[in-house]
C-alpha atoms as a PDB file:
ATOM      1  CA  MET A   1      -0.047   0.038  -0.029  1.00  0.00           C
ATOM      2  CA  ASN A   2       1.226   3.445  -0.970  1.00  0.00           C
ATOM      3  CA  PRO A   3       1.811   5.355   2.429  1.00  0.00           C
ATOM      4  CA  THR A   4       1.015   8.730   0.699  1.00  0.00           C
ATOM      5  CA  SER A   5      -2.298   7.377  -0.411  1.00  0.00           C
ATOM      6  CA  ALA A   6      -3.199   6.200   3.065  1.00  0.00           C
ATOM      7  CA  VAL A   7      -2.361   9.656   4.524  1.00  0.00           C
ATOM      8  CA  SER A   8      -4.544  11.295   1.854  1.00  0.00           C
ATOM      9  CA  ARG A   9      -7.565   9.147   2.742  1.00  0.00           C
ATOM     10  CA  PHE A  10      -7.102   9.914   6.424  1.00  0.00           C
ATOM     11  CA  ARG A  11      -6.978  13.631   5.722  1.00  0.00           C
ATOM     12  CA  ARG A  12     -10.265  13.393   3.722  1.00  0.00           C
ATOM     13  CA  ARG A  13     -11.991  11.475   6.489  1.00  0.00           C
ATOM     14  CA  LEU A  14     -10.823  13.728   9.220  1.00  0.00           C
ATOM     15  CA  PRO A  15     -13.225  16.735   8.502  1.00  0.00           C
ATOM     16  CA  LEU A  16     -16.174  14.412   8.157  1.00  0.00           C
ATOM     17  CA  ALA A  17     -15.493  12.770  11.571  1.00  0.00           C
ATOM     18  CA  ALA A  18     -15.005  16.131  13.174  1.00  0.00           C
ATOM     19  CA  GLY A  19     -18.201  17.494  11.735  1.00  0.00           C
ATOM     20  CA  VAL A  20     -20.236  14.431  12.928  1.00  0.00           C
ATOM     21  CA  ALA A  21     -18.753  14.851  16.444  1.00  0.00           C
ATOM     22  CA  ALA A  22     -19.490  18.573  16.383  1.00  0.00           C
ATOM     23  CA  GLY A  23     -23.006  18.005  15.177  1.00  0.00           C
ATOM     24  CA  GLY A  24     -23.632  15.487  17.890  1.00  0.00           C
ATOM     25  CA  VAL A  25     -22.557  17.912  20.587  1.00  0.00           C
ATOM     26  CA  LEU A  26     -24.827  20.684  19.236  1.00  0.00           C
ATOM     27  CA  LEU A  27     -27.753  18.317  19.011  1.00  0.00           C
ATOM     28  CA  LEU A  28     -27.422  17.233  22.632  1.00  0.00           C
ATOM     29  CA  ALA A  29     -26.654  20.633  23.977  1.00  0.00           C
ATOM     30  CA  SER A  30     -29.377  22.735  22.156  1.00  0.00           C
ATOM     31  CA  PRO A  31     -32.259  21.965  24.546  1.00  0.00           C
ATOM     32  CA  ALA A  32     -30.365  23.814  27.340  1.00  0.00           C
ATOM     33  CA  PHE A  33     -31.016  27.122  25.609  1.00  0.00           C
ATOM     34  CA  ALA A  34     -34.503  26.602  24.402  1.00  0.00           C
ATOM     35  CA  HIS A  35     -36.485  28.067  27.371  1.00  0.00           C
ATOM     36  CA  VAL A  36     -37.607  31.633  28.027  1.00  0.00           C
ATOM     37  CA  SER A  37     -35.284  32.597  30.916  1.00  0.00           C
ATOM     38  CA  VAL A  38     -34.154  35.371  33.098  1.00  0.00           C
ATOM     39  CA  GLN A  39     -30.545  36.714  32.612  1.00  0.00           C
ATOM     40  CA  PRO A  40     -28.709  36.867  34.893  1.00  0.00           C
ATOM     41  CA  GLY A  41     -30.393  34.090  36.874  1.00  0.00           C
ATOM     42  CA  THR A  42     -29.615  35.616  40.344  1.00  0.00           C
ATOM     43  CA  ALA A  43     -30.080  39.012  41.988  1.00  0.00           C
ATOM     44  CA  GLU A  44     -29.366  40.540  45.474  1.00  0.00           C
ATOM     45  CA  LYS A  45     -32.158  40.574  47.991  1.00  0.00           C
ATOM     46  CA  GLY A  46     -33.405  43.984  48.905  1.00  0.00           C
ATOM     47  CA  GLY A  47     -31.619  45.791  45.960  1.00  0.00           C
ATOM     48  CA  TYR A  48     -32.222  46.935  42.528  1.00  0.00           C
ATOM     49  CA  GLY A  49     -31.035  45.144  39.487  1.00  0.00           C
ATOM     50  CA  THR A  50     -31.235  44.999  35.711  1.00  0.00           C
ATOM     51  CA  ILE A  51     -32.455  41.738  34.287  1.00  0.00           C
ATOM     52  CA  ALA A  52     -33.511  40.632  30.856  1.00  0.00           C
ATOM     53  CA  LEU A  53     -36.034  38.160  29.574  1.00  0.00           C
ATOM     54  CA  LYS A  54     -34.167  35.962  27.085  1.00  0.00           C
ATOM     55  CA  VAL A  55     -36.539  34.623  24.430  1.00  0.00           C
ATOM     56  CA  PRO A  56     -35.384  32.103  21.813  1.00  0.00           C
ATOM     57  CA  ASN A  57     -37.442  31.361  18.723  1.00  0.00           C
ATOM     58  CA  GLU A  58     -38.007  27.636  18.806  1.00  0.00           C
ATOM     59  CA  LYS A  59     -39.818  27.238  15.383  1.00  0.00           C
ATOM     60  CA  ASP A  60     -38.439  26.676  11.957  1.00  0.00           C
ATOM     61  CA  ASN A  61     -41.457  28.099  10.052  1.00  0.00           C
ATOM     62  CA  ALA A  62     -42.737  30.990  12.342  1.00  0.00           C
ATOM     63  CA  SER A  63     -41.376  34.002  13.985  1.00  0.00           C
ATOM     64  CA  THR A  64     -42.047  35.225  17.662  1.00  0.00           C
ATOM     65  CA  VAL A  65     -44.100  38.387  17.424  1.00  0.00           C
ATOM     66  CA  LYS A  66     -45.295  39.111  21.038  1.00  0.00           C
ATOM     67  CA  LEU A  67     -44.138  38.416  24.704  1.00  0.00           C
ATOM     68  CA  GLU A  68     -46.452  38.938  27.562  1.00  0.00           C
ATOM     69  CA  LEU A  69     -44.703  38.858  30.947  1.00  0.00           C
ATOM     70  CA  THR A  70     -46.663  38.652  34.268  1.00  0.00           C
ATOM     71  CA  LEU A  71     -44.811  39.529  37.387  1.00  0.00           C
ATOM     72  CA  ASP A  72     -44.945  37.538  40.707  1.00  0.00           C
ATOM     73  CA  PRO A  73     -48.209  38.749  42.407  1.00  0.00           C
ATOM     74  CA  GLN A  74     -46.800  37.407  45.774  1.00  0.00           C
ATOM     75  CA  HIS A  75     -44.052  39.923  45.679  1.00  0.00           C
ATOM     76  CA  PRO A  76     -44.984  43.210  43.935  1.00  0.00           C
ATOM     77  CA  LEU A  77     -42.187  45.478  42.789  1.00  0.00           C
ATOM     78  CA  THR A  78     -42.718  49.197  43.212  1.00  0.00           C
ATOM     79  CA  SER A  79     -40.233  50.137  40.542  1.00  0.00           C
ATOM     80  CA  VAL A  80     -40.281  48.354  37.134  1.00  0.00           C
ATOM     81  CA  MET A  81     -38.836  50.160  34.007  1.00  0.00           C
ATOM     82  CA  PRO A  82     -38.391  48.395  30.676  1.00  0.00           C
ATOM     83  CA  GLN A  83     -35.510  49.412  28.456  1.00  0.00           C
ATOM     84  CA  PRO A  84     -36.600  50.415  24.826  1.00  0.00           C
ATOM     85  CA  VAL A  85     -35.990  47.421  22.453  1.00  0.00           C
ATOM     86  CA  PRO A  86     -35.628  48.575  18.689  1.00  0.00           C
ATOM     87  CA  GLY A  87     -38.619  47.544  16.649  1.00  0.00           C
ATOM     88  CA  TRP A  88     -40.747  46.590  19.649  1.00  0.00           C
ATOM     89  CA  ASP A  89     -43.677  48.506  21.266  1.00  0.00           C
ATOM     90  CA  ILE A  90     -43.932  48.180  25.093  1.00  0.00           C
ATOM     91  CA  LYS A  91     -47.131  48.295  27.211  1.00  0.00           C
ATOM     92  CA  VAL A  92     -46.835  48.480  30.950  1.00  0.00           C
ATOM     93  CA  GLU A  93     -49.924  47.648  33.076  1.00  0.00           C
ATOM     94  CA  LYS A  94     -50.263  48.482  36.701  1.00  0.00           C
ATOM     95  CA  SER A  95     -52.638  47.123  39.379  1.00  0.00           C
ATOM     96  CA  LYS A  96     -53.702  48.447  42.787  1.00  0.00           C
ATOM     97  CA  LEU A  97     -51.858  46.728  45.633  1.00  0.00           C
ATOM     98  CA  ASP A  98     -53.991  44.879  48.263  1.00  0.00           C
ATOM     99  CA  LYS A  99     -51.533  46.354  50.894  1.00  0.00           C
ATOM    100  CA  PRO A 100     -49.802  49.565  50.241  1.00  0.00           C
ATOM    101  CA  VAL A 101     -46.069  49.793  50.780  1.00  0.00           C
ATOM    102  CA  GLN A 102     -43.646  52.468  51.868  1.00  0.00           C
ATOM    103  CA  MET A 103     -40.948  53.479  49.442  1.00  0.00           C
ATOM    104  CA  HIS A 104     -38.642  56.453  50.122  1.00  0.00           C
ATOM    105  CA  GLY A 105     -41.079  57.839  52.697  1.00  0.00           C
ATOM    106  CA  GLU A 106     -43.929  57.688  50.375  1.00  0.00           C
ATOM    107  CA  THR A 107     -46.904  55.427  50.260  1.00  0.00           C
ATOM    108  CA  VAL A 108     -47.211  53.304  46.981  1.00  0.00           C
ATOM    109  CA  ASN A 109     -50.636  51.993  46.216  1.00  0.00           C
ATOM    110  CA  GLU A 110     -50.015  50.241  42.795  1.00  0.00           C
ATOM    111  CA  ALA A 111     -47.276  48.310  41.074  1.00  0.00           C
ATOM    112  CA  VAL A 112     -46.502  46.958  37.625  1.00  0.00           C
ATOM    113  CA  THR A 113     -48.142  43.590  37.130  1.00  0.00           C
ATOM    114  CA  LYS A 114     -47.751  42.898  33.376  1.00  0.00           C
ATOM    115  CA  ILE A 115     -45.523  44.059  30.466  1.00  0.00           C
ATOM    116  CA  THR A 116     -46.190  43.317  26.816  1.00  0.00           C
ATOM    117  CA  TRP A 117     -43.758  43.576  23.985  1.00  0.00           C
ATOM    118  CA  SER A 118     -45.306  43.513  20.426  1.00  0.00           C
ATOM    119  CA  GLY A 119     -44.649  44.841  16.968  1.00  0.00           C
ATOM    120  CA  GLY A 120     -41.240  43.267  16.464  1.00  0.00           C
ATOM    121  CA  LYS A 121     -40.142  39.896  15.307  1.00  0.00           C
ATOM    122  CA  ILE A 122     -37.642  37.121  16.299  1.00  0.00           C
ATOM    123  CA  ASP A 123     -36.869  34.985  13.352  1.00  0.00           C
ATOM    124  CA  PRO A 124     -36.131  31.320  13.445  1.00  0.00           C
ATOM    125  CA  GLY A 125     -32.728  30.490  14.801  1.00  0.00           C
ATOM    126  CA  GLN A 126     -32.491  33.735  16.679  1.00  0.00           C
ATOM    127  CA  PHE A 127     -33.267  35.147  20.156  1.00  0.00           C
ATOM    128  CA  GLN A 128     -34.167  38.524  21.686  1.00  0.00           C
ATOM    129  CA  GLN A 129     -33.484  40.012  25.073  1.00  0.00           C
ATOM    130  CA  PHE A 130     -35.991  42.289  26.740  1.00  0.00           C
ATOM    131  CA  PRO A 131     -34.290  44.239  29.624  1.00  0.00           C
ATOM    132  CA  LEU A 132     -35.959  45.480  32.755  1.00  0.00           C
ATOM    133  CA  SER A 133     -34.853  47.499  35.712  1.00  0.00           C
ATOM    134  CA  VAL A 134     -36.460  46.201  38.855  1.00  0.00           C
ATOM    135  CA  GLY A 135     -36.557  46.858  42.552  1.00  0.00           C
ATOM    136  CA  PRO A 136     -36.461  46.851  45.447  1.00  0.00           C
ATOM    137  CA  LEU A 137     -36.307  43.143  45.339  1.00  0.00           C
ATOM    138  CA  PRO A 138     -38.008  41.306  48.298  1.00  0.00           C
ATOM    139  CA  LYS A 139     -35.825  40.362  51.299  1.00  0.00           C
ATOM    140  CA  ASP A 140     -38.185  37.557  52.485  1.00  0.00           C
ATOM    141  CA  ALA A 141     -38.194  35.487  49.395  1.00  0.00           C
ATOM    142  CA  ASP A 142     -35.660  33.095  47.646  1.00  0.00           C
ATOM    143  CA  GLN A 143     -36.986  33.654  44.164  1.00  0.00           C
ATOM    144  CA  LEU A 144     -39.261  35.588  42.021  1.00  0.00           C
ATOM    145  CA  THR A 145     -41.412  33.493  39.434  1.00  0.00           C
ATOM    146  CA  PHE A 146     -42.657  35.054  36.309  1.00  0.00           C
ATOM    147  CA  LYS A 147     -45.185  33.880  33.761  1.00  0.00           C
ATOM    148  CA  ALA A 148     -44.496  34.429  30.104  1.00  0.00           C
ATOM    149  CA  LEU A 149     -46.602  33.890  26.981  1.00  0.00           C
ATOM    150  CA  GLN A 150     -44.848  33.632  23.724  1.00  0.00           C
ATOM    151  CA  THR A 151     -46.887  34.295  20.602  1.00  0.00           C
ATOM    152  CA  TYR A 152     -45.875  33.189  17.121  1.00  0.00           C
ATOM    153  CA  SER A 153     -46.753  34.547  13.735  1.00  0.00           C
ATOM    154  CA  ASP A 154     -48.741  31.450  13.123  1.00  0.00           C
ATOM    155  CA  ASP A 155     -50.879  32.327  16.135  1.00  0.00           C
ATOM    156  CA  ASP A 156     -49.485  29.548  18.192  1.00  0.00           C
ATOM    157  CA  VAL A 157     -49.038  30.680  21.886  1.00  0.00           C
ATOM    158  CA  VAL A 158     -46.378  28.839  24.131  1.00  0.00           C
ATOM    159  CA  ARG A 159     -47.241  29.388  27.792  1.00  0.00           C
ATOM    160  CA  TRP A 160     -44.119  29.416  29.959  1.00  0.00           C
ATOM    161  CA  ILE A 161     -45.925  29.208  33.270  1.00  0.00           C
ATOM    162  CA  ASP A 162     -45.164  25.808  34.687  1.00  0.00           C
ATOM    163  CA  ALA A 163     -43.589  25.651  38.254  1.00  0.00           C
ATOM    164  CA  SER A 164     -40.377  23.686  38.726  1.00  0.00           C
ATOM    165  CA  LYS A 165     -40.209  21.447  41.771  1.00  0.00           C
ATOM    166  CA  PRO A 166     -36.928  21.075  43.633  1.00  0.00           C
ATOM    167  CA  GLY A 167     -35.416  17.773  42.804  1.00  0.00           C
ATOM    168  CA  GLY A 168     -38.144  16.951  40.383  1.00  0.00           C
ATOM    169  CA  GLN A 169     -38.182  16.697  36.507  1.00  0.00           C
ATOM    170  CA  GLU A 170     -38.112  19.981  34.720  1.00  0.00           C
ATOM    171  CA  PRO A 171     -41.584  20.647  33.202  1.00  0.00           C
ATOM    172  CA  GLU A 172     -42.083  21.058  29.534  1.00  0.00           C
ATOM    173  CA  HIS A 173     -42.661  24.837  29.639  1.00  0.00           C
ATOM    174  CA  PRO A 174     -40.960  25.974  32.960  1.00  0.00           C
ATOM    175  CA  ALA A 175     -41.752  29.647  34.094  1.00  0.00           C
ATOM    176  CA  PRO A 176     -38.773  32.008  34.144  1.00  0.00           C
ATOM    177  CA  VAL A 177     -37.343  32.347  37.683  1.00  0.00           C
ATOM    178  CA  LEU A 178     -34.993  34.893  39.284  1.00  0.00           C
ATOM    179  CA  LYS A 179     -33.270  33.552  42.300  1.00  0.00           C
ATOM    180  CA  LEU A 180     -32.726  35.922  45.091  1.00  0.00           C
ATOM    181  CA  VAL A 181     -29.491  35.660  47.197  1.00  0.00           C
ATOM    182  CA  ASP A 182     -27.639  37.377  49.927  1.00  0.00           C
ATOM    183  CA  LYS A 183     -25.181  40.123  48.932  1.00  0.00           C
ATOM    184  CA  ALA A 184     -22.204  37.628  49.188  1.00  0.00           C
ATOM    185  CA  GLY A 185     -23.754  35.289  46.621  1.00  0.00           C
ATOM    186  CA  ALA A 186     -25.039  37.846  44.124  1.00  0.00           C
ATOM    187  CA  ARG A 187     -23.199  38.883  40.958  1.00  0.00           C
ATOM    188  CA  THR A 188     -21.070  42.047  41.200  1.00  0.00           C
ATOM    189  CA  ASP A 189     -22.767  43.557  38.181  1.00  0.00           C
ATOM    190  CA  ASP A 190     -26.520  43.913  37.423  1.00  0.00           C
ATOM    191  CA  LYS A 191     -26.313  44.032  33.644  1.00  0.00           C
ATOM    192  CA  PRO A 192     -28.055  41.514  31.643  1.00  0.00           C
ATOM    193  CA  ALA A 193     -25.880  38.943  29.745  1.00  0.00           C
ATOM    194  CA  ALA A 194     -24.804  40.158  26.432  1.00  0.00           C
ATOM    195  CA  ALA A 195     -26.016  38.393  23.247  1.00  0.00           C
ATOM    196  CA  ALA A 196     -23.465  35.495  23.444  1.00  0.00           C
ATOM    197  CA  PRO A 197     -23.740  31.714  22.798  1.00  0.00           C
ATOM    198  CA  ALA A 198     -22.864  30.781  26.392  1.00  0.00           C
ATOM    199  CA  GLU A 199     -25.276  31.094  29.383  1.00  0.00           C
ATOM    200  CA  LYS A 200     -23.947  32.522  32.703  1.00  0.00           C
ATOM    201  CA  SER A 201     -26.901  31.592  34.948  1.00  0.00           C
ATOM    202  CA  GLY A 202     -25.215  28.642  36.501  1.00  0.00           C
ATOM    203  CA  SER A 203     -28.275  26.409  35.937  1.00  0.00           C
ATOM    204  CA  GLY A 204     -28.095  22.654  35.962  1.00  0.00           C
ATOM    205  CA  SER A 205     -29.165  22.632  32.241  1.00  0.00           C
ATOM    206  CA  ASP A 206     -26.094  24.821  31.274  1.00  0.00           C
ATOM    207  CA  THR A 207     -23.776  22.708  33.375  1.00  0.00           C
ATOM    208  CA  THR A 208     -25.102  19.597  31.442  1.00  0.00           C
ATOM    209  CA  ALA A 209     -24.642  21.241  28.153  1.00  0.00           C
ATOM    210  CA  ARG A 210     -20.966  22.180  28.938  1.00  0.00           C
ATOM    211  CA  ALA A 211     -20.297  18.639  30.207  1.00  0.00           C
ATOM    212  CA  LEU A 212     -21.765  17.125  26.856  1.00  0.00           C
ATOM    213  CA  GLY A 213     -19.634  19.621  24.865  1.00  0.00           C
ATOM    214  CA  GLY A 214     -16.468  18.544  26.738  1.00  0.00           C
ATOM    215  CA  ALA A 215     -17.373  14.944  26.190  1.00  0.00           C
ATOM    216  CA  GLY A 216     -17.827  15.546  22.438  1.00  0.00           C
ATOM    217  CA  ILE A 217     -14.419  17.349  22.268  1.00  0.00           C
ATOM    218  CA  ALA A 218     -12.699  14.562  24.037  1.00  0.00           C
ATOM    219  CA  LEU A 219     -14.433  11.994  21.707  1.00  0.00           C
ATOM    220  CA  GLY A 220     -13.326  13.927  18.642  1.00  0.00           C
ATOM    221  CA  ALA A 221      -9.655  14.065  19.951  1.00  0.00           C
ATOM    222  CA  ALA A 222      -9.688  10.401  20.644  1.00  0.00           C
ATOM    223  CA  GLY A 223     -10.906   9.740  17.074  1.00  0.00           C
ATOM    224  CA  VAL A 224      -8.098  11.931  15.711  1.00  0.00           C
ATOM    225  CA  ALA A 225      -5.535  10.080  17.700  1.00  0.00           C
ATOM    226  CA  TYR A 226      -6.701   6.729  16.595  1.00  0.00           C
ATOM    227  CA  GLY A 227      -6.697   7.793  13.021  1.00  0.00           C
ATOM    228  CA  VAL A 228      -3.005   8.958  13.262  1.00  0.00           C
ATOM    229  CA  PHE A 229      -2.132   5.649  15.163  1.00  0.00           C
ATOM    230  CA  ALA A 230      -3.831   3.569  12.451  1.00  0.00           C
ATOM    231  CA  GLY A 231      -2.144   5.524   9.648  1.00  0.00           C
ATOM    232  CA  ARG A 232       1.243   4.838  11.259  1.00  0.00           C
ATOM    233  CA  ARG A 233       0.565   1.174  11.641  1.00  0.00           C
ATOM    234  CA  ARG A 234      -0.397   0.950   7.927  1.00  0.00           C
ATOM    235  CA  ARG A 235       2.760   2.726   6.836  1.00  0.00           C
ATOM    236  CA  THR A 236       4.905   0.513   8.964  1.00  0.00           C
ATOM    237  CA  ALA A 237       3.263  -2.647   7.635  1.00  0.00           C
ATOM    238  CA  ASP A 238       3.636  -1.461   4.064  1.00  0.00           C
ATOM    239  CA  ALA A 239       7.281  -0.627   4.606  1.00  0.00           C
ATOM    240  CA  SER A 240       7.893  -4.050   5.984  1.00  0.00           C
END
C-alpha cells in the first residue's frame, strides 16, 4: 500500500469525523438554551437590578411576534422600568396593591403587574433580550417566579408558566425564575448577559450542556489520535 495514499485518505476522512462529532454535541446541547429565561439568573435581595428576559425562537417556520410577562403577584415590585428594544412596542400595566407599601418615605398603592412587547419579530434561529430595571427586590423570598406567554406569527401561543419542583423533573414549559441571594452570593454587576452563545446563569441545564460539549471534544480528539495511530501502523506494515 502506498503510504502517501493512506495519509490522503485519512486527511479526507478527518473533516467528516470532526463534523459528525461537532453536530452530535450541538444536537445534545441545544435543549439547554430553548427556554424563556431570566438573565442573569440571580439578584441581590433587597436591592435593585437590571435583568432581561431571554426569548429564543423555537420554530423553523414561524417568528415570535409578542411576549407577555406577568410579574410575581406574591412579591410586587414598586419600581419596574423596561428598556426600549428597537422595533418593539412596550405596554406596561399596573394594578392596585392589596396592601400599600412604603418607598422612600412615600406610600405606594400600585405596582407593575404585566408588561407586553409587540410589533417586533424574532426570526427562526434567533433570540431577543427584553431588559428591565426592577426593585427593590424582596428580602423575605428566595426567588421571583414570572409567567411568560410567547406568541408566534402562526398564532401559536407557548405558555411558559409551569412551576419547577426542587429535585423533580423539569416541566415542558418552565416559568422564568429569578433567584434571590444574599449580597455575598449575588453577581457584582447587574447588567443582563450580552448576546453571546454561552449562558451565565449557572443552571443545571447549562452545566449539562458544557459537560456534553467537553465529552464531544474529548471523543473527537480520541478519534483523531486513533486515526493517526492507524495510519502509522499501515505505513509500518507497508514498509515491512
